[in-house]
Each structure stands twice: as structure tokens, then as C-alpha cells.
Amino acid sequence: MSAGDQRDPGPSRSDPIHWAEARAPASVGNISVGFDLLGHALEVAGDEVRVERIDAPGAGQSPVVVEAIEGLPLELPLRARENTAGAALLAFRKAVGAAYGYRVRIRKGIPLGSGMGGSAASAVAAVVAANALLEEPLTAEALYPFALAGEGVASGSPHGDNVAPQLLGGVVLALPDRIQRLPVPWPLHAALVHPHQVLETRRARAVLAEPFPLEAVVEQSGLLARFITACHTGDQDLLEGSLRDVLVEPRRAPLIPGFAQARRAALEAGALGAGISGGGPSLFAWCWTAATAGRAAAAMKEAFGTLGIEADAWTAPVEGPAAEVLRCG
């Protein structure tokens, strides 16, 4: 992909920026109805990445140096090609033809293996920060393939359901070659509950290897069409009937102790739909009001608690923010 024809039309800068720090929010992948295709940003946690220009590397040296990763109780790879932020920056640097390299520091604010888009957030924050170093930054949409390259390191395959909403904010349709923000004509709020479990994306995807029956695929396709139509028309009845997953969720639910109880608790508290966030183990629920989201979050947390499973709970508007540059110099 050529980056040169996707420059942001904003004014160019005469003084070069040598470093930038960016933040990418958590996200809810899939939104039940759109496996690998839908997601929305959620301002409940986020990753921050500092990217600094360094001299061009010598022969045999990596142009991206991941110096440190903070905020996690365990170690993540520092080697650039094995790190989501590092891999994203390698792809970005090659595309824009940067003559310099990058020194990177990552501050993790999203729990690892939580289904909250943590691996994507590091990749997104990294390319947003690196983009700020360009004299003519690219558009957010143009950063998509580079962030995807980073996400693929963690999941084993590139999919944009977390990357896309973190780049654009709000609810986003993520296709292989483009991303499109969808209208959300209601003041919806989301509840998100993270049980203190770790479910790696690769394991969550491994249970999907067997083929799905045609009738289930057709039903899920109808639900996705219903959801997208509801977003564009504002039809509440269409939306209420669409937030279901007849394909992926039945296979992943057994990997999450307490899933059935927590989902049922959210629906009984008034949520219009609830399901697995991304690959899990976090659960999300969409609600018409902030008050209902608060009740759904408390109900899901209590459901996990009755099984002896500690959990964290948050609520936030469904129309979450996009990644942003925090500071630069």
C-alpha cells in the first residue's frame, strides 16, 4: 500500500518533532454479531506508547528498539518483530520510507489476555505516535494496515475488530482493506466486566477450527445485516434483536467459567444484549441508559463473585474515543 497518497491535508510543520506519546483506548471486539468485523472503543482503560526518533540503524541492527514495557506483572517480548508495537512500527517505517529508527517505551493499562483489545492498543498507540513525527502525518484510516501488522503478532492472524475502533473511535466496521465508522443514533452505554482470568487470543481462536453449519452461518449473517441496518435507520427494534452470536460464542463460552451466569444477570438487569468481548474472558453489555449499564455491570460482577471469581467492572458510552497524541516535543 502506498502511503504517499493518503496524507492528512493539515498544515505541514517546519520544526521536526523528535518524540511523541500516544494513547489508545480499550475496545470491545465483535460486539457479538460481527466476528472479526465489528468493534467499538471504550474509555475504561488504555495503553500509552512513547516513540522517539533515533539515528538510522547500522547493518544487522533493528530500526525499532523496544526499550521497556511497564504495567504488567509478567514480561512481554522486547524484540521488535515479536512485539505488537514493534511490528506495527516496522511496517509503518517501511511504508513511509523513514530514514531514522524508533526507540519505544510501552505503558500497559489494559490487562493482558482480557478481551479488551490490549495487544491492538499497543500497536495503535505506537503508529499514532510515530505518525506524529512525520512532517505530513497520514490519516487515521491510512494507519490501519500497520496497526493490523502488529495485532497479527499477538493473535496469529490480522483482524481489525479492535484496531479499527481504536483508530477511529466509536463503532467501526473493519474490512480487510478499509475501515468505516458506523452511526450510533442512540446514547447507548456499555458495561464491561473483566473476571480475573487470562484467555489468550490464540486459544480462543483455536476452538473455531471446525466448520460451522450452513444454517448457523445464514442466521448470523442475518443478524449482522439487521445490526448495520439498525445503526443507519435508528430502528430500536432491529437493534434489540440483533445482539446475538450463534456461531462463535457457543464454542468460546466453555472457556469462561461463569459466562452463562454473568450474561443472564446482565440481561435480567435490563441490558439489550450481552456477550463476550473480543476473545474473552471479559463480557460486555449494551444498555439504553447509563443507569442500566451500572446495574448490568454490578449484576455481572456479582454473578462472577458468587462463583468465587473476582472481577473488575466499568461503564462508559458506546461512542468511545479514538487514539490520540498526548504530548510531543
Protein backbone atom coordinates (compact mmCIF):
# COMPACT_ATOMS: atom_id res chain seq x y z
CA MET A 1 0.00 0.00 0.00
CA SER A 2 1.33 3.42 -0.89
CA ALA A 3 1.22 5.90 1.99
CA GLY A 4 2.12 8.90 -0.12
CA ASP A 5 -1.39 9.49 -1.45
CA GLN A 6 -3.09 9.30 1.95
CA ARG A 7 -1.56 12.27 3.71
CA ASP A 8 -3.57 14.29 6.15
CA PRO A 9 -4.41 17.60 4.42
CA GLY A 10 -3.48 19.60 7.52
CA PRO A 11 -0.63 22.11 7.50
CA SER A 12 2.96 20.89 7.36
CA ARG A 13 5.42 21.66 10.14
CA SER A 14 8.76 23.37 9.71
CA ASP A 15 10.25 22.18 13.01
CA PRO A 16 10.61 18.38 13.24
CA ILE A 17 9.10 16.53 16.19
CA HIS A 18 11.59 14.18 17.82
CA TRP A 19 9.28 12.22 20.12
CA ALA A 20 5.60 11.69 20.75
CA GLU A 21 3.43 9.84 23.25
CA ALA A 22 0.05 8.45 22.24
CA ARG A 23 -2.77 6.61 23.99
CA ALA A 24 -5.18 4.04 22.56
CA PRO A 25 -8.32 3.06 24.49
CA ALA A 26 -9.66 -0.38 25.29
CA SER A 27 -12.20 -1.84 22.89
CA VAL A 28 -14.98 -4.40 22.59
CA GLY A 29 -14.31 -6.69 19.64
CA ASN A 30 -17.02 -8.48 17.64
CA ILE A 31 -20.00 -6.87 19.50
CA SER A 32 -21.46 -10.41 19.42
CA VAL A 33 -22.91 -10.05 15.94
CA GLY A 34 -19.82 -9.22 13.86
CA PHE A 35 -16.96 -11.66 14.43
CA ASP A 36 -13.68 -10.05 13.28
CA LEU A 37 -15.73 -7.31 11.58
CA LEU A 38 -17.17 -5.05 14.29
CA GLY A 39 -15.83 -3.35 17.37
CA HIS A 40 -16.19 -0.22 19.43
CA ALA A 41 -13.82 1.85 21.52
CA LEU A 42 -14.44 2.03 25.26
CA GLU A 43 -12.89 4.62 27.57
CA VAL A 44 -12.29 2.37 30.57
CA ALA A 45 -8.55 1.71 30.23
CA GLY A 46 -5.79 2.28 27.69
CA ASP A 47 -2.21 1.70 26.61
CA GLU A 48 0.32 4.51 26.21
CA VAL A 49 3.36 4.35 23.94
CA ARG A 50 6.26 6.78 23.61
CA VAL A 51 8.10 6.74 20.28
CA GLU A 52 11.37 8.65 19.86
CA ARG A 53 13.39 9.22 16.72
CA ILE A 54 16.87 7.69 16.75
CA ASP A 55 19.66 7.51 14.23
CA ALA A 56 19.30 5.07 11.35
CA PRO A 57 20.44 1.60 12.44
CA GLY A 58 23.66 0.00 11.35
CA ALA A 59 23.89 -3.20 9.36
CA GLY A 60 22.18 -6.10 11.11
CA GLN A 61 20.51 -3.87 13.70
CA SER A 62 16.77 -3.41 14.13
CA PRO A 63 15.45 0.05 13.29
CA VAL A 64 12.96 -0.32 16.15
CA VAL A 65 14.23 -0.68 19.71
CA VAL A 66 11.62 -1.58 22.32
CA GLU A 67 13.32 -0.24 25.41
CA ALA A 68 10.82 -1.08 28.16
CA ILE A 69 7.30 -2.33 28.86
CA GLU A 70 5.68 -1.16 32.10
CA GLY A 71 2.45 -2.01 33.89
CA LEU A 72 2.35 -5.80 33.65
CA PRO A 73 3.25 -8.48 36.20
CA LEU A 74 4.98 -10.55 33.53
CA GLU A 75 7.38 -9.94 30.69
CA LEU A 76 6.42 -9.40 27.07
CA PRO A 77 8.84 -9.71 24.13
CA LEU A 78 11.15 -6.74 23.61
CA ARG A 79 12.31 -7.94 20.20
CA ALA A 80 10.56 -5.67 17.73
CA ARG A 81 9.26 -8.35 15.36
CA GLU A 82 7.74 -10.27 18.29
CA ASN A 83 6.15 -7.23 19.93
CA THR A 84 2.83 -5.79 18.71
CA ALA A 85 4.00 -2.18 18.89
CA GLY A 86 7.39 -3.05 17.42
CA ALA A 87 5.94 -4.98 14.49
CA ALA A 88 3.50 -2.17 13.74
CA LEU A 89 6.34 0.35 13.69
CA LEU A 90 8.46 -1.82 11.40
CA ALA A 91 5.62 -1.91 8.89
CA PHE A 92 4.95 1.81 9.27
CA ARG A 93 8.61 2.81 8.87
CA LYS A 94 8.99 0.77 5.70
CA ALA A 95 5.84 2.23 4.14
CA VAL A 96 6.69 5.88 4.82
CA GLY A 97 10.39 5.46 4.00
CA ALA A 98 11.64 6.95 7.25
CA ALA A 99 15.41 7.40 7.29
CA TYR A 100 15.51 7.20 11.08
CA GLY A 101 14.67 4.50 13.58
CA TYR A 102 12.50 4.44 16.70
CA ARG A 103 13.07 3.96 20.42
CA VAL A 104 9.89 2.74 22.12
CA ARG A 105 8.54 2.64 25.68
CA ILE A 106 5.17 0.97 26.36
CA ARG A 107 2.95 1.54 29.38
CA LYS A 108 0.25 -1.13 29.56
CA GLY A 109 -3.05 -0.10 31.09
CA ILE A 110 -5.18 -2.91 29.61
CA PRO A 111 -4.98 -6.32 31.28
CA LEU A 112 -3.23 -9.00 29.25
CA GLY A 113 -5.43 -11.68 27.68
CA SER A 114 -8.57 -9.86 28.81
CA GLY A 115 -10.53 -9.49 25.59
CA MET A 116 -10.27 -5.70 25.91
CA GLY A 117 -8.03 -5.10 22.89
CA GLY A 118 -4.74 -4.81 24.75
CA SER A 119 -2.46 -6.12 22.01
CA ALA A 120 -4.19 -3.92 19.44
CA ALA A 121 -3.98 -0.85 21.68
CA SER A 122 -0.18 -1.04 21.92
CA ALA A 123 0.10 -1.33 18.14
CA VAL A 124 -2.33 1.52 17.53
CA ALA A 125 -0.74 3.86 20.07
CA ALA A 126 2.69 3.15 18.57
CA VAL A 127 1.74 4.05 14.99
CA VAL A 128 -0.26 7.09 16.10
CA ALA A 129 2.81 8.35 17.98
CA ALA A 130 5.16 7.60 15.06
CA ASN A 131 2.75 9.27 12.66
CA ALA A 132 3.05 12.49 14.68
CA LEU A 133 6.77 12.55 13.86
CA LEU A 134 6.09 12.90 10.14
CA GLU A 135 6.17 16.34 8.56
CA GLU A 136 2.85 15.48 6.90
CA PRO A 137 1.05 12.88 9.06
CA LEU A 138 -1.14 10.22 7.48
CA THR A 139 -4.85 9.96 8.11
CA ALA A 140 -6.08 7.60 10.81
CA GLU A 141 -7.55 5.33 8.12
CA ALA A 142 -4.15 5.07 6.43
CA LEU A 143 -2.60 3.74 9.66
CA TYR A 144 -4.88 0.69 9.64
CA PRO A 145 -2.63 -1.83 7.80
CA PHE A 146 0.36 -1.01 10.03
CA ALA A 147 -1.61 -1.49 13.24
CA LEU A 148 -3.01 -4.72 11.77
CA ALA A 149 0.54 -5.98 11.24
CA GLY A 150 1.19 -5.50 14.95
CA GLU A 151 -2.06 -7.12 16.04
CA GLY A 152 -1.25 -10.17 13.92
CA VAL A 153 1.83 -10.85 16.06
CA ALA A 154 -0.33 -11.46 19.12
CA SER A 155 -3.30 -13.25 17.59
CA GLY A 156 -1.61 -15.26 14.85
CA SER A 157 -3.73 -13.59 12.16
CA PRO A 158 -4.54 -9.95 11.44
CA HIS A 159 -8.11 -8.92 12.25
CA GLY A 160 -9.32 -5.38 12.73
CA ASP A 161 -12.22 -5.57 15.17
CA ASN A 162 -10.10 -3.93 17.90
CA VAL A 163 -7.59 -1.97 15.82
CA ALA A 164 -10.24 -0.17 13.76
CA PRO A 165 -12.34 1.32 16.59
CA GLN A 166 -9.22 2.30 18.48
CA LEU A 167 -8.05 4.26 15.43
CA LEU A 168 -11.38 5.94 14.64
CA GLY A 169 -13.37 5.81 17.89
CA GLY A 170 -17.00 4.76 18.17
CA VAL A 171 -18.47 1.71 16.43
CA VAL A 172 -16.48 0.65 13.38
CA LEU A 173 -16.83 -1.88 10.57
CA ALA A 174 -13.38 -3.39 9.89
CA LEU A 175 -12.85 -4.92 6.47
CA PRO A 176 -9.52 -6.34 5.25
CA ASP A 177 -8.77 -3.26 3.13
CA ARG A 178 -10.70 -0.43 4.79
CA ILE A 179 -12.45 0.74 7.94
CA GLN A 180 -15.74 2.58 8.22
CA ARG A 181 -17.24 4.22 11.29
CA LEU A 182 -20.94 3.38 11.73
CA PRO A 183 -23.55 5.82 13.00
CA VAL A 184 -24.89 5.19 16.50
CA PRO A 185 -28.09 7.24 16.71
CA TRP A 186 -28.76 6.45 20.37
CA PRO A 187 -26.97 7.49 23.61
CA LEU A 188 -26.02 3.88 24.34
CA HIS A 189 -23.84 2.88 27.28
CA ALA A 190 -21.78 -0.26 27.72
CA ALA A 191 -20.98 -2.30 30.78
CA LEU A 192 -17.71 -4.22 30.73
CA VAL A 193 -16.71 -6.81 33.31
CA HIS A 194 -13.30 -8.46 33.39
CA PRO A 195 -13.11 -11.63 35.50
CA HIS A 196 -9.63 -12.22 36.85
CA GLN A 197 -8.82 -14.85 34.28
CA VAL A 198 -6.50 -14.88 31.27
CA LEU A 199 -7.70 -16.23 27.93
CA GLU A 200 -5.12 -15.88 25.18
CA THR A 201 -6.46 -14.91 21.77
CA ARG A 202 -4.78 -17.86 20.08
CA ARG A 203 -6.57 -20.30 22.39
CA ALA A 204 -9.90 -18.54 21.90
CA ARG A 205 -9.49 -18.81 18.13
CA ALA A 206 -8.37 -22.43 18.22
CA VAL A 207 -11.86 -23.63 19.24
CA LEU A 208 -13.24 -22.19 15.99
CA ALA A 209 -11.30 -24.53 13.69
CA GLU A 210 -14.16 -26.90 12.89
CA PRO A 211 -16.59 -25.82 10.12
CA PHE A 212 -19.88 -24.21 11.07
CA PRO A 213 -23.24 -25.49 9.79
CA LEU A 214 -24.65 -23.50 6.90
CA GLU A 215 -27.90 -22.65 8.69
CA ALA A 216 -25.97 -21.05 11.55
CA VAL A 217 -23.87 -19.01 9.11
CA VAL A 218 -27.02 -17.77 7.38
CA GLU A 219 -28.62 -16.85 10.71
CA GLN A 220 -25.53 -14.95 11.83
CA SER A 221 -25.35 -13.12 8.51
CA GLY A 222 -28.95 -12.01 9.01
CA LEU A 223 -28.15 -10.70 12.48
CA LEU A 224 -25.21 -8.70 11.14
CA ALA A 225 -27.37 -7.20 8.39
CA ARG A 226 -30.00 -6.38 10.99
CA PHE A 227 -27.43 -4.64 13.20
CA ILE A 228 -25.95 -2.48 10.43
CA THR A 229 -29.42 -1.54 9.17
CA ALA A 230 -30.45 -0.54 12.69
CA CYS A 231 -27.41 1.74 13.02
CA HIS A 232 -28.25 3.53 9.78
CA THR A 233 -32.01 3.79 10.34
CA GLY A 234 -32.22 4.25 14.11
CA ASP A 235 -34.70 1.37 14.39
CA GLN A 236 -34.53 0.28 18.04
CA ASP A 237 -36.49 -2.92 17.45
CA LEU A 238 -33.96 -4.04 14.84
CA LEU A 239 -31.08 -3.34 17.22
CA GLU A 240 -32.63 -5.19 20.16
CA GLY A 241 -32.98 -8.35 18.13
CA SER A 242 -29.51 -8.30 16.65
CA LEU A 243 -27.02 -8.56 19.54
CA ARG A 244 -26.64 -12.33 19.47
CA ASP A 245 -23.89 -14.71 18.41
CA VAL A 246 -24.95 -18.16 17.20
CA LEU A 247 -21.54 -19.05 15.77
CA VAL A 248 -18.55 -18.16 17.93
CA GLU A 249 -19.96 -17.62 21.41
CA PRO A 250 -21.31 -21.17 21.90
CA ARG A 251 -17.80 -22.55 21.32
CA ARG A 252 -15.98 -19.98 23.43
CA ALA A 253 -18.38 -19.87 26.38
CA PRO A 254 -16.98 -23.07 27.97
CA LEU A 255 -13.57 -21.37 28.16
CA ILE A 256 -15.00 -18.73 30.53
CA PRO A 257 -16.17 -20.05 33.92
CA GLY A 258 -19.25 -18.11 34.97
CA PHE A 259 -20.09 -16.84 31.48
CA ALA A 260 -23.67 -18.11 31.39
CA GLN A 261 -24.47 -16.77 34.85
CA ALA A 262 -22.97 -13.35 34.14
CA ARG A 263 -24.66 -12.96 30.77
CA ARG A 264 -28.02 -13.92 32.23
CA ALA A 265 -27.52 -11.43 35.07
CA ALA A 266 -26.85 -8.60 32.60
CA LEU A 267 -30.00 -9.33 30.61
CA GLU A 268 -32.09 -9.57 33.78
CA ALA A 269 -30.70 -6.17 34.81
CA GLY A 270 -32.12 -4.66 31.62
CA ALA A 271 -29.31 -4.89 29.07
CA LEU A 272 -30.50 -5.09 25.48
CA GLY A 273 -27.71 -7.54 24.67
CA ALA A 274 -24.63 -9.08 26.28
CA GLY A 275 -21.80 -11.33 25.19
CA ILE A 276 -18.08 -12.00 25.08
CA SER A 277 -15.81 -9.01 24.49
CA GLY A 278 -13.33 -9.97 21.78
CA GLY A 279 -11.77 -13.32 22.58
CA GLY A 280 -12.78 -13.07 26.25
CA PRO A 281 -12.86 -13.62 29.13
CA SER A 282 -14.36 -10.13 29.57
CA LEU A 283 -18.09 -9.71 29.00
CA PHE A 284 -19.84 -6.64 27.66
CA ALA A 285 -23.45 -5.49 27.73
CA TRP A 286 -25.14 -2.74 25.73
CA CYS A 287 -27.78 -0.68 27.52
CA TRP A 288 -30.11 2.18 26.62
CA THR A 289 -29.06 4.30 29.63
CA ALA A 290 -26.07 4.85 31.89
CA ALA A 291 -28.14 3.76 34.89
CA THR A 292 -29.00 0.44 33.28
CA ALA A 293 -25.35 -0.08 32.36
CA GLY A 294 -24.40 0.45 36.00
CA ARG A 295 -26.92 -2.17 37.11
CA ALA A 296 -25.75 -4.62 34.44
CA ALA A 297 -22.10 -4.16 35.42
CA ALA A 298 -22.88 -4.75 39.09
CA ALA A 299 -25.01 -7.78 38.27
CA MET A 300 -22.30 -9.40 36.14
CA LYS A 301 -19.64 -8.75 38.74
CA GLU A 302 -21.87 -10.25 41.43
CA ALA A 303 -22.56 -13.30 39.26
CA PHE A 304 -18.84 -13.99 38.97
CA GLY A 305 -18.42 -13.31 42.68
CA THR A 306 -20.94 -15.97 43.68
CA LEU A 307 -18.65 -18.47 41.93
CA GLY A 308 -15.59 -17.19 43.79
CA ILE A 309 -14.26 -15.30 40.75
CA GLU A 310 -13.05 -11.76 41.34
CA ALA A 311 -13.83 -9.26 38.60
CA ASP A 312 -13.45 -5.60 37.67
CA ALA A 313 -16.38 -3.66 36.26
CA TRP A 314 -16.71 -0.43 34.29
CA THR A 315 -19.31 1.53 32.36
CA ALA A 316 -18.81 4.05 29.57
CA PRO A 317 -20.59 5.41 26.48
CA VAL A 318 -20.53 3.10 23.47
CA GLU A 319 -19.22 6.01 21.40
CA GLY A 320 -15.73 5.77 22.84
CA PRO A 321 -12.78 7.98 21.81
CA ALA A 322 -10.15 7.37 19.18
CA ALA A 323 -6.46 7.02 19.91
CA GLU A 324 -4.73 10.37 20.34
CA VAL A 325 -1.36 12.00 20.76
CA LEU A 326 -0.94 13.05 24.38
CA ARG A 327 2.24 15.08 24.09
CA CYS A 328 5.20 15.57 21.79
CA GLY A 329 8.39 17.54 21.52
